[in-house]
N, C-alpha and C. Protein backbone atom coordinates (compact mmCIF):
# COMPACT_ATOMS: atom_id res chain seq x y z
N MET A 1 -7.45 2.97 -30.59
CA MET A 1 -8.02 2.15 -29.47
C MET A 1 -7.29 0.88 -29.30
N ALA A 2 -6.96 0.29 -30.40
CA ALA A 2 -6.23 -1.10 -30.31
C ALA A 2 -4.89 -0.83 -29.76
N HIS A 3 -4.24 0.22 -30.00
CA HIS A 3 -2.87 0.39 -29.46
C HIS A 3 -2.92 0.58 -27.83
N VAL A 4 -3.84 1.35 -27.42
CA VAL A 4 -4.04 1.61 -26.03
C VAL A 4 -4.41 0.27 -25.33
N VAL A 5 -5.33 -0.45 -25.89
CA VAL A 5 -5.82 -1.70 -25.19
C VAL A 5 -4.60 -2.75 -25.23
N LEU A 6 -3.99 -2.92 -26.33
CA LEU A 6 -2.90 -3.85 -26.42
C LEU A 6 -1.78 -3.51 -25.54
N GLN A 7 -1.45 -2.21 -25.42
CA GLN A 7 -0.44 -1.78 -24.56
C GLN A 7 -0.77 -2.12 -23.05
N ASP A 8 -2.06 -1.92 -22.78
CA ASP A 8 -2.56 -2.23 -21.46
C ASP A 8 -2.29 -3.71 -21.11
N ARG A 9 -2.71 -4.60 -22.13
CA ARG A 9 -2.57 -6.11 -21.94
C ARG A 9 -1.09 -6.49 -21.84
N ILE A 10 -0.20 -5.89 -22.61
CA ILE A 10 1.29 -6.13 -22.54
C ILE A 10 1.74 -5.69 -21.07
N ASP A 11 1.32 -4.56 -20.60
CA ASP A 11 1.74 -4.16 -19.24
C ASP A 11 1.22 -5.12 -18.22
N ARG A 12 -0.04 -5.49 -18.19
CA ARG A 12 -0.56 -6.39 -17.24
C ARG A 12 0.21 -7.78 -17.25
N ALA A 13 0.59 -8.18 -18.49
CA ALA A 13 1.37 -9.47 -18.60
C ALA A 13 2.75 -9.42 -18.18
N GLY A 14 3.19 -8.18 -17.78
CA GLY A 14 4.55 -8.06 -17.38
C GLY A 14 5.55 -8.08 -18.48
N LEU A 15 5.16 -7.69 -19.71
CA LEU A 15 6.01 -7.79 -20.85
C LEU A 15 6.42 -6.41 -21.38
N THR A 16 6.26 -5.43 -20.66
CA THR A 16 6.54 -4.01 -21.14
C THR A 16 7.91 -3.85 -21.60
N ASP A 17 8.90 -4.56 -20.90
CA ASP A 17 10.31 -4.44 -21.36
C ASP A 17 10.67 -5.38 -22.55
N GLN A 18 9.69 -6.19 -22.90
CA GLN A 18 10.01 -7.19 -23.95
C GLN A 18 9.25 -6.94 -25.31
N VAL A 19 8.15 -6.26 -25.24
CA VAL A 19 7.24 -6.06 -26.27
C VAL A 19 6.92 -4.66 -26.45
N VAL A 20 7.05 -4.20 -27.63
CA VAL A 20 6.74 -2.74 -27.95
C VAL A 20 5.54 -2.78 -28.84
N VAL A 21 4.57 -1.89 -28.43
CA VAL A 21 3.40 -1.75 -29.29
C VAL A 21 3.49 -0.37 -29.91
N SER A 22 3.31 -0.31 -31.27
CA SER A 22 3.25 0.85 -32.05
C SER A 22 2.07 0.87 -32.88
N SER A 23 1.57 2.03 -33.33
CA SER A 23 0.49 2.06 -34.26
C SER A 23 0.67 3.18 -35.20
N SER A 24 -0.13 3.05 -36.18
CA SER A 24 0.02 4.02 -37.38
C SER A 24 -1.21 3.93 -38.29
N GLY A 25 -1.42 4.88 -39.18
CA GLY A 25 -2.33 4.78 -40.12
C GLY A 25 -1.60 4.72 -41.50
N THR A 26 -2.26 4.23 -42.50
CA THR A 26 -1.60 4.08 -43.80
C THR A 26 -1.72 5.37 -44.59
N GLY A 27 -2.51 6.28 -44.09
CA GLY A 27 -2.51 7.55 -44.78
C GLY A 27 -2.14 8.66 -43.62
N GLY A 28 -1.61 9.80 -44.13
CA GLY A 28 -1.12 10.73 -43.29
C GLY A 28 -1.97 11.81 -42.77
N TRP A 29 -3.28 11.75 -43.11
CA TRP A 29 -4.16 12.87 -42.86
C TRP A 29 -4.35 13.29 -41.41
N HIS A 30 -4.02 12.36 -40.50
CA HIS A 30 -4.17 12.65 -39.07
C HIS A 30 -2.84 12.75 -38.28
N ARG A 31 -1.75 12.60 -38.98
CA ARG A 31 -0.39 12.51 -38.40
C ARG A 31 -0.25 13.67 -37.33
N GLY A 32 0.24 13.34 -36.20
CA GLY A 32 0.52 14.26 -35.19
C GLY A 32 -0.64 14.67 -34.29
N GLU A 33 -1.88 14.15 -34.63
CA GLU A 33 -3.09 14.47 -33.83
C GLU A 33 -3.28 13.51 -32.80
N PRO A 34 -4.02 13.89 -31.69
CA PRO A 34 -4.42 12.88 -30.74
C PRO A 34 -5.57 12.04 -31.39
N MET A 35 -5.91 10.97 -30.70
CA MET A 35 -7.03 10.11 -31.22
C MET A 35 -8.34 10.87 -31.24
N ASP A 36 -9.23 10.38 -31.99
CA ASP A 36 -10.60 10.85 -32.00
C ASP A 36 -11.16 11.07 -30.59
N ARG A 37 -11.76 12.20 -30.33
CA ARG A 37 -12.30 12.45 -28.92
C ARG A 37 -13.26 11.33 -28.45
N ARG A 38 -14.08 10.86 -29.39
CA ARG A 38 -15.05 9.75 -29.05
C ARG A 38 -14.32 8.48 -28.62
N ALA A 39 -13.29 8.14 -29.43
CA ALA A 39 -12.58 6.98 -29.05
C ALA A 39 -11.88 7.09 -27.63
N ALA A 40 -11.25 8.29 -27.50
CA ALA A 40 -10.62 8.68 -26.14
C ALA A 40 -11.63 8.62 -25.01
N THR A 41 -12.84 9.10 -25.21
CA THR A 41 -13.79 9.06 -24.19
C THR A 41 -14.26 7.67 -23.95
N THR A 42 -14.49 6.83 -24.92
CA THR A 42 -14.81 5.48 -24.74
C THR A 42 -13.75 4.76 -23.89
N LEU A 43 -12.49 4.91 -24.24
CA LEU A 43 -11.30 4.32 -23.53
C LEU A 43 -11.25 4.82 -22.16
N THR A 44 -11.34 6.06 -21.92
CA THR A 44 -11.24 6.62 -20.62
C THR A 44 -12.35 6.08 -19.70
N ASP A 45 -13.59 6.06 -20.24
CA ASP A 45 -14.70 5.56 -19.45
C ASP A 45 -14.53 4.08 -19.08
N ALA A 46 -13.72 3.42 -19.84
CA ALA A 46 -13.48 1.95 -19.59
C ALA A 46 -12.26 1.76 -18.75
N GLY A 47 -11.56 2.88 -18.27
CA GLY A 47 -10.47 2.81 -17.41
C GLY A 47 -9.04 2.83 -18.00
N TYR A 48 -9.01 3.09 -19.29
CA TYR A 48 -7.74 3.17 -20.05
C TYR A 48 -7.24 4.63 -20.15
N ASP A 49 -5.91 4.72 -20.34
CA ASP A 49 -5.29 6.09 -20.50
C ASP A 49 -5.11 6.36 -22.07
N ALA A 50 -5.94 7.25 -22.50
CA ALA A 50 -5.88 7.47 -23.93
C ALA A 50 -5.14 8.72 -24.31
N THR A 51 -4.52 9.34 -23.29
CA THR A 51 -3.91 10.67 -23.53
C THR A 51 -2.52 10.59 -24.21
N ARG A 52 -1.86 9.52 -24.30
CA ARG A 52 -0.50 9.51 -24.85
C ARG A 52 -0.43 9.20 -26.27
N HIS A 53 -1.63 8.79 -26.92
CA HIS A 53 -1.62 8.40 -28.31
C HIS A 53 -1.41 9.60 -29.24
N VAL A 54 -0.65 9.42 -30.23
CA VAL A 54 -0.46 10.47 -31.25
C VAL A 54 -0.36 9.70 -32.55
N ALA A 55 -1.19 10.09 -33.61
CA ALA A 55 -1.26 9.44 -34.89
C ALA A 55 0.12 9.55 -35.61
N ARG A 56 0.45 8.45 -36.21
CA ARG A 56 1.70 8.39 -37.01
C ARG A 56 1.32 7.72 -38.39
N THR A 57 2.23 7.80 -39.36
CA THR A 57 2.02 7.18 -40.63
C THR A 57 2.90 6.00 -40.86
N PHE A 58 2.27 4.93 -41.33
CA PHE A 58 3.02 3.62 -41.63
C PHE A 58 4.12 3.94 -42.74
N SER A 59 5.17 3.19 -42.67
CA SER A 59 6.11 3.18 -43.75
C SER A 59 6.83 1.84 -43.80
N PRO A 60 7.50 1.60 -44.94
CA PRO A 60 8.21 0.38 -45.11
C PRO A 60 9.17 -0.02 -43.96
N ASP A 61 9.71 1.06 -43.27
CA ASP A 61 10.68 0.82 -42.18
C ASP A 61 9.93 -0.15 -41.08
N TRP A 62 8.71 -0.10 -40.97
CA TRP A 62 8.03 -0.91 -39.94
C TRP A 62 8.35 -2.34 -40.11
N TYR A 63 8.59 -2.87 -41.30
CA TYR A 63 8.87 -4.17 -41.48
C TYR A 63 10.11 -4.65 -40.71
N ALA A 64 11.22 -3.82 -40.71
CA ALA A 64 12.38 -4.19 -40.09
C ALA A 64 12.32 -3.93 -38.58
N GLU A 65 11.43 -3.12 -38.19
CA GLU A 65 11.37 -2.76 -36.74
C GLU A 65 10.35 -3.50 -35.96
N ASN A 66 9.51 -4.34 -36.64
CA ASN A 66 8.37 -5.07 -36.06
C ASN A 66 8.33 -6.50 -36.42
N ASP A 67 7.83 -7.39 -35.50
CA ASP A 67 7.72 -8.81 -35.94
C ASP A 67 6.34 -9.08 -36.46
N LEU A 68 5.31 -8.40 -36.02
CA LEU A 68 3.99 -8.61 -36.44
C LEU A 68 3.38 -7.28 -36.75
N LEU A 69 2.72 -7.15 -37.80
CA LEU A 69 2.06 -5.96 -38.22
C LEU A 69 0.55 -6.30 -38.49
N LEU A 70 -0.34 -5.57 -37.75
CA LEU A 70 -1.76 -5.87 -37.75
C LEU A 70 -2.50 -4.83 -38.44
N ALA A 71 -3.34 -5.22 -39.46
CA ALA A 71 -4.15 -4.28 -40.24
C ALA A 71 -5.66 -4.42 -39.64
N MET A 72 -6.26 -3.30 -39.59
CA MET A 72 -7.66 -3.24 -39.06
C MET A 72 -8.72 -3.43 -40.13
N ASP A 73 -8.37 -3.04 -41.35
CA ASP A 73 -9.32 -3.41 -42.43
C ASP A 73 -8.60 -3.76 -43.74
N GLN A 74 -9.39 -4.15 -44.80
CA GLN A 74 -8.72 -4.69 -45.97
C GLN A 74 -7.96 -3.61 -46.76
N SER A 75 -8.37 -2.38 -46.64
CA SER A 75 -7.70 -1.28 -47.34
C SER A 75 -6.25 -1.10 -46.62
N ASN A 76 -6.25 -1.06 -45.40
CA ASN A 76 -4.97 -0.90 -44.73
C ASN A 76 -4.12 -2.12 -45.01
N TYR A 77 -4.73 -3.34 -45.00
CA TYR A 77 -3.93 -4.52 -45.33
C TYR A 77 -3.31 -4.46 -46.65
N ALA A 78 -4.02 -4.06 -47.72
CA ALA A 78 -3.57 -3.88 -49.05
C ALA A 78 -2.46 -2.84 -49.06
N ASP A 79 -2.55 -1.77 -48.43
CA ASP A 79 -1.59 -0.72 -48.39
C ASP A 79 -0.31 -1.28 -47.76
N MET A 80 -0.42 -2.04 -46.65
CA MET A 80 0.79 -2.50 -46.00
C MET A 80 1.43 -3.56 -46.83
N ILE A 81 0.70 -4.43 -47.44
CA ILE A 81 1.23 -5.40 -48.32
C ILE A 81 2.03 -4.79 -49.52
N GLU A 82 1.37 -3.70 -50.03
CA GLU A 82 2.06 -3.07 -51.15
C GLU A 82 3.43 -2.42 -50.74
N GLN A 83 3.54 -2.02 -49.50
CA GLN A 83 4.78 -1.39 -49.05
C GLN A 83 5.76 -2.32 -48.48
N ALA A 84 5.47 -3.67 -48.55
CA ALA A 84 6.41 -4.68 -48.04
C ALA A 84 7.76 -4.64 -48.86
N PRO A 85 8.90 -4.64 -48.29
CA PRO A 85 10.09 -4.65 -49.10
C PRO A 85 10.37 -5.92 -49.74
N THR A 86 9.85 -7.06 -49.30
CA THR A 86 10.03 -8.35 -49.94
C THR A 86 8.75 -9.16 -49.80
N VAL A 87 8.59 -10.21 -50.57
CA VAL A 87 7.48 -11.09 -50.41
C VAL A 87 7.41 -11.78 -49.07
N GLU A 88 8.57 -12.16 -48.58
CA GLU A 88 8.77 -12.66 -47.24
C GLU A 88 8.21 -11.76 -46.13
N ALA A 89 8.50 -10.47 -46.35
CA ALA A 89 8.10 -9.47 -45.33
C ALA A 89 6.50 -9.42 -45.25
N GLN A 90 5.94 -9.65 -46.39
CA GLN A 90 4.41 -9.69 -46.32
C GLN A 90 3.78 -10.61 -45.34
N GLN A 91 4.58 -11.70 -44.99
CA GLN A 91 4.07 -12.68 -44.03
C GLN A 91 3.92 -12.04 -42.62
N GLN A 92 4.59 -10.87 -42.39
CA GLN A 92 4.41 -10.29 -41.07
C GLN A 92 3.04 -9.58 -40.86
N VAL A 93 2.39 -9.39 -41.96
CA VAL A 93 1.03 -8.71 -41.94
C VAL A 93 -0.15 -9.66 -41.74
N ARG A 94 -0.89 -9.30 -40.82
CA ARG A 94 -2.12 -10.11 -40.45
C ARG A 94 -3.28 -9.19 -40.26
N MET A 95 -4.47 -9.60 -40.42
CA MET A 95 -5.60 -8.87 -40.02
C MET A 95 -5.69 -8.96 -38.53
N PHE A 96 -6.08 -7.81 -37.89
CA PHE A 96 -6.22 -7.81 -36.44
C PHE A 96 -7.10 -8.82 -35.98
N ARG A 97 -8.31 -8.95 -36.62
CA ARG A 97 -9.35 -9.80 -36.15
C ARG A 97 -9.13 -11.24 -36.53
N SER A 98 -8.06 -11.52 -37.14
CA SER A 98 -7.60 -13.00 -37.43
C SER A 98 -7.40 -13.64 -36.04
N PHE A 99 -7.22 -12.72 -35.08
CA PHE A 99 -6.97 -13.32 -33.67
C PHE A 99 -8.38 -13.29 -32.84
N ASP A 100 -9.37 -12.64 -33.39
CA ASP A 100 -10.66 -12.55 -32.65
C ASP A 100 -11.37 -13.82 -32.64
N PRO A 101 -11.56 -14.45 -31.37
CA PRO A 101 -12.24 -15.76 -31.33
C PRO A 101 -13.66 -15.67 -31.86
N GLU A 102 -14.27 -14.54 -31.99
CA GLU A 102 -15.68 -14.28 -32.43
C GLU A 102 -15.72 -13.82 -33.87
N ALA A 103 -14.67 -13.61 -34.49
CA ALA A 103 -14.71 -13.10 -35.89
C ALA A 103 -15.36 -14.12 -36.83
N PRO A 104 -16.13 -13.71 -37.72
CA PRO A 104 -16.78 -14.57 -38.71
C PRO A 104 -15.80 -15.21 -39.62
N SER A 105 -14.63 -14.62 -39.86
CA SER A 105 -13.65 -15.17 -40.77
C SER A 105 -12.32 -14.41 -40.42
N PRO A 106 -11.18 -15.09 -40.85
CA PRO A 106 -9.78 -14.58 -40.48
C PRO A 106 -9.57 -13.19 -41.16
N ASP A 107 -10.29 -12.81 -42.20
CA ASP A 107 -10.09 -11.65 -42.85
C ASP A 107 -11.19 -10.56 -42.45
N ALA A 108 -11.87 -10.80 -41.29
CA ALA A 108 -12.86 -9.87 -40.86
C ALA A 108 -12.14 -8.44 -40.44
N GLU A 109 -12.93 -7.46 -40.78
CA GLU A 109 -12.41 -6.11 -40.37
C GLU A 109 -12.90 -5.66 -39.09
N VAL A 110 -12.24 -4.69 -38.51
CA VAL A 110 -12.71 -3.99 -37.42
C VAL A 110 -13.46 -2.79 -38.03
N PRO A 111 -14.77 -2.69 -37.74
CA PRO A 111 -15.52 -1.63 -38.38
C PRO A 111 -15.15 -0.29 -37.83
N ASP A 112 -15.24 0.65 -38.73
CA ASP A 112 -14.73 2.04 -38.49
C ASP A 112 -15.94 2.78 -37.81
N PRO A 113 -15.94 3.22 -36.61
CA PRO A 113 -17.02 3.84 -35.95
C PRO A 113 -17.12 5.34 -36.16
N TRP A 114 -16.22 5.91 -36.97
CA TRP A 114 -16.08 7.30 -37.33
C TRP A 114 -17.39 7.98 -37.57
N TYR A 115 -18.28 7.52 -38.38
CA TYR A 115 -19.51 8.12 -38.84
C TYR A 115 -20.67 7.79 -37.96
N GLY A 116 -20.54 6.97 -36.95
CA GLY A 116 -21.68 6.48 -36.17
C GLY A 116 -21.60 7.25 -34.75
N GLY A 117 -22.40 6.69 -33.92
CA GLY A 117 -22.52 7.27 -32.57
C GLY A 117 -21.59 6.56 -31.58
N PRO A 118 -21.80 6.86 -30.31
CA PRO A 118 -20.92 6.26 -29.25
C PRO A 118 -21.06 4.78 -29.16
N GLU A 119 -22.25 4.15 -29.59
CA GLU A 119 -22.29 2.71 -29.52
C GLU A 119 -21.32 2.04 -30.47
N GLY A 120 -20.90 2.63 -31.48
CA GLY A 120 -19.96 1.98 -32.45
C GLY A 120 -18.61 1.95 -31.82
N PHE A 121 -18.27 2.98 -31.08
CA PHE A 121 -16.92 2.93 -30.30
C PHE A 121 -16.93 1.99 -29.24
N ALA A 122 -18.07 1.81 -28.56
CA ALA A 122 -18.18 0.76 -27.51
C ALA A 122 -18.04 -0.64 -28.09
N GLU A 123 -18.71 -0.81 -29.28
CA GLU A 123 -18.62 -2.14 -30.02
C GLU A 123 -17.16 -2.46 -30.40
N VAL A 124 -16.60 -1.45 -30.94
CA VAL A 124 -15.14 -1.66 -31.40
C VAL A 124 -14.21 -1.95 -30.14
N LEU A 125 -14.51 -1.24 -29.05
CA LEU A 125 -13.66 -1.49 -27.83
C LEU A 125 -13.80 -2.96 -27.33
N GLU A 126 -15.01 -3.38 -27.31
CA GLU A 126 -15.25 -4.81 -26.90
C GLU A 126 -14.52 -5.74 -27.89
N MET A 127 -14.63 -5.47 -29.11
CA MET A 127 -13.93 -6.38 -30.16
C MET A 127 -12.50 -6.28 -29.92
N VAL A 128 -11.84 -5.15 -29.70
CA VAL A 128 -10.47 -4.95 -29.54
C VAL A 128 -10.01 -5.70 -28.25
N GLU A 129 -10.79 -5.45 -27.19
CA GLU A 129 -10.36 -6.16 -25.92
C GLU A 129 -10.25 -7.65 -26.05
N ARG A 130 -11.15 -8.25 -26.61
CA ARG A 130 -11.15 -9.72 -26.73
C ARG A 130 -10.11 -10.20 -27.66
N THR A 131 -9.83 -9.43 -28.70
CA THR A 131 -8.84 -9.74 -29.69
C THR A 131 -7.48 -9.56 -29.04
N ALA A 132 -7.22 -8.45 -28.35
CA ALA A 132 -5.99 -8.33 -27.63
C ALA A 132 -5.64 -9.32 -26.67
N ASP A 133 -6.71 -9.84 -25.90
CA ASP A 133 -6.52 -10.95 -25.04
C ASP A 133 -5.96 -12.22 -25.78
N GLU A 134 -6.47 -12.38 -26.92
CA GLU A 134 -6.01 -13.58 -27.70
C GLU A 134 -4.59 -13.37 -28.27
N ILE A 135 -4.30 -12.18 -28.67
CA ILE A 135 -2.94 -11.85 -29.15
C ILE A 135 -1.93 -12.05 -28.09
N ILE A 136 -2.25 -11.71 -26.86
CA ILE A 136 -1.34 -11.92 -25.70
C ILE A 136 -1.04 -13.42 -25.48
N GLU A 137 -2.15 -14.24 -25.61
CA GLU A 137 -2.07 -15.68 -25.48
C GLU A 137 -1.22 -16.23 -26.57
N ARG A 138 -1.20 -15.73 -27.67
CA ARG A 138 -0.48 -16.28 -28.90
C ARG A 138 0.81 -15.58 -29.10
N LEU A 139 1.13 -14.57 -28.35
CA LEU A 139 2.31 -13.72 -28.64
C LEU A 139 3.62 -14.56 -28.77
N PRO A 140 3.88 -15.59 -28.15
CA PRO A 140 5.14 -16.45 -28.31
C PRO A 140 5.22 -16.92 -29.82
N GLU A 141 4.12 -17.08 -30.55
CA GLU A 141 4.24 -17.51 -31.92
C GLU A 141 4.88 -16.42 -32.73
N PHE A 142 4.76 -15.21 -32.48
CA PHE A 142 5.28 -14.09 -33.21
C PHE A 142 6.45 -13.33 -32.58
N ALA A 143 6.72 -13.59 -31.35
CA ALA A 143 7.83 -12.94 -30.69
C ALA A 143 8.65 -14.03 -29.98
N PRO A 144 9.38 -14.84 -30.60
CA PRO A 144 9.94 -15.98 -29.96
C PRO A 144 10.88 -15.53 -28.73
N GLY A 145 11.47 -14.38 -28.81
CA GLY A 145 12.37 -13.94 -27.69
C GLY A 145 11.58 -13.59 -26.38
N VAL A 146 10.27 -13.50 -26.50
CA VAL A 146 9.49 -13.18 -25.18
C VAL A 146 9.51 -14.25 -24.28
N ARG A 147 9.88 -13.94 -23.04
CA ARG A 147 9.96 -14.90 -21.96
C ARG A 147 8.78 -14.77 -21.04
N TRP A 148 8.03 -15.75 -20.79
CA TRP A 148 6.87 -15.68 -19.89
C TRP A 148 7.25 -16.03 -18.45
């Protein structure tokens, strides 16, 4: 969901040619699959295109290919830090909600709505939207080559 929303915000800001959004999981159990149908329905109902997303698996190569790496929960964060090729590269990893103006703390997690009902997906979408808006505002901090 975060990939789709963040890509939407990048497109709206006119930064499509300057900023690439990628997403992955730290485990490979869903690799090659489309997103959860409930997440796709929530996004589609909100006006987003959820059809292009395909699950991928995070690897240490992402450090060289990306300026900022966002983890959705503490488990993903720990997995990503563990795969960092250097201590300096670890600085590229941030918690997604560290940008959320309503997060209770910088290390707050995005809750996993997998085992709940549609209301959990709607809650996550709202959280992702406001966080994506803040990321766009702060993007020059992490992508100095981006021209506004």
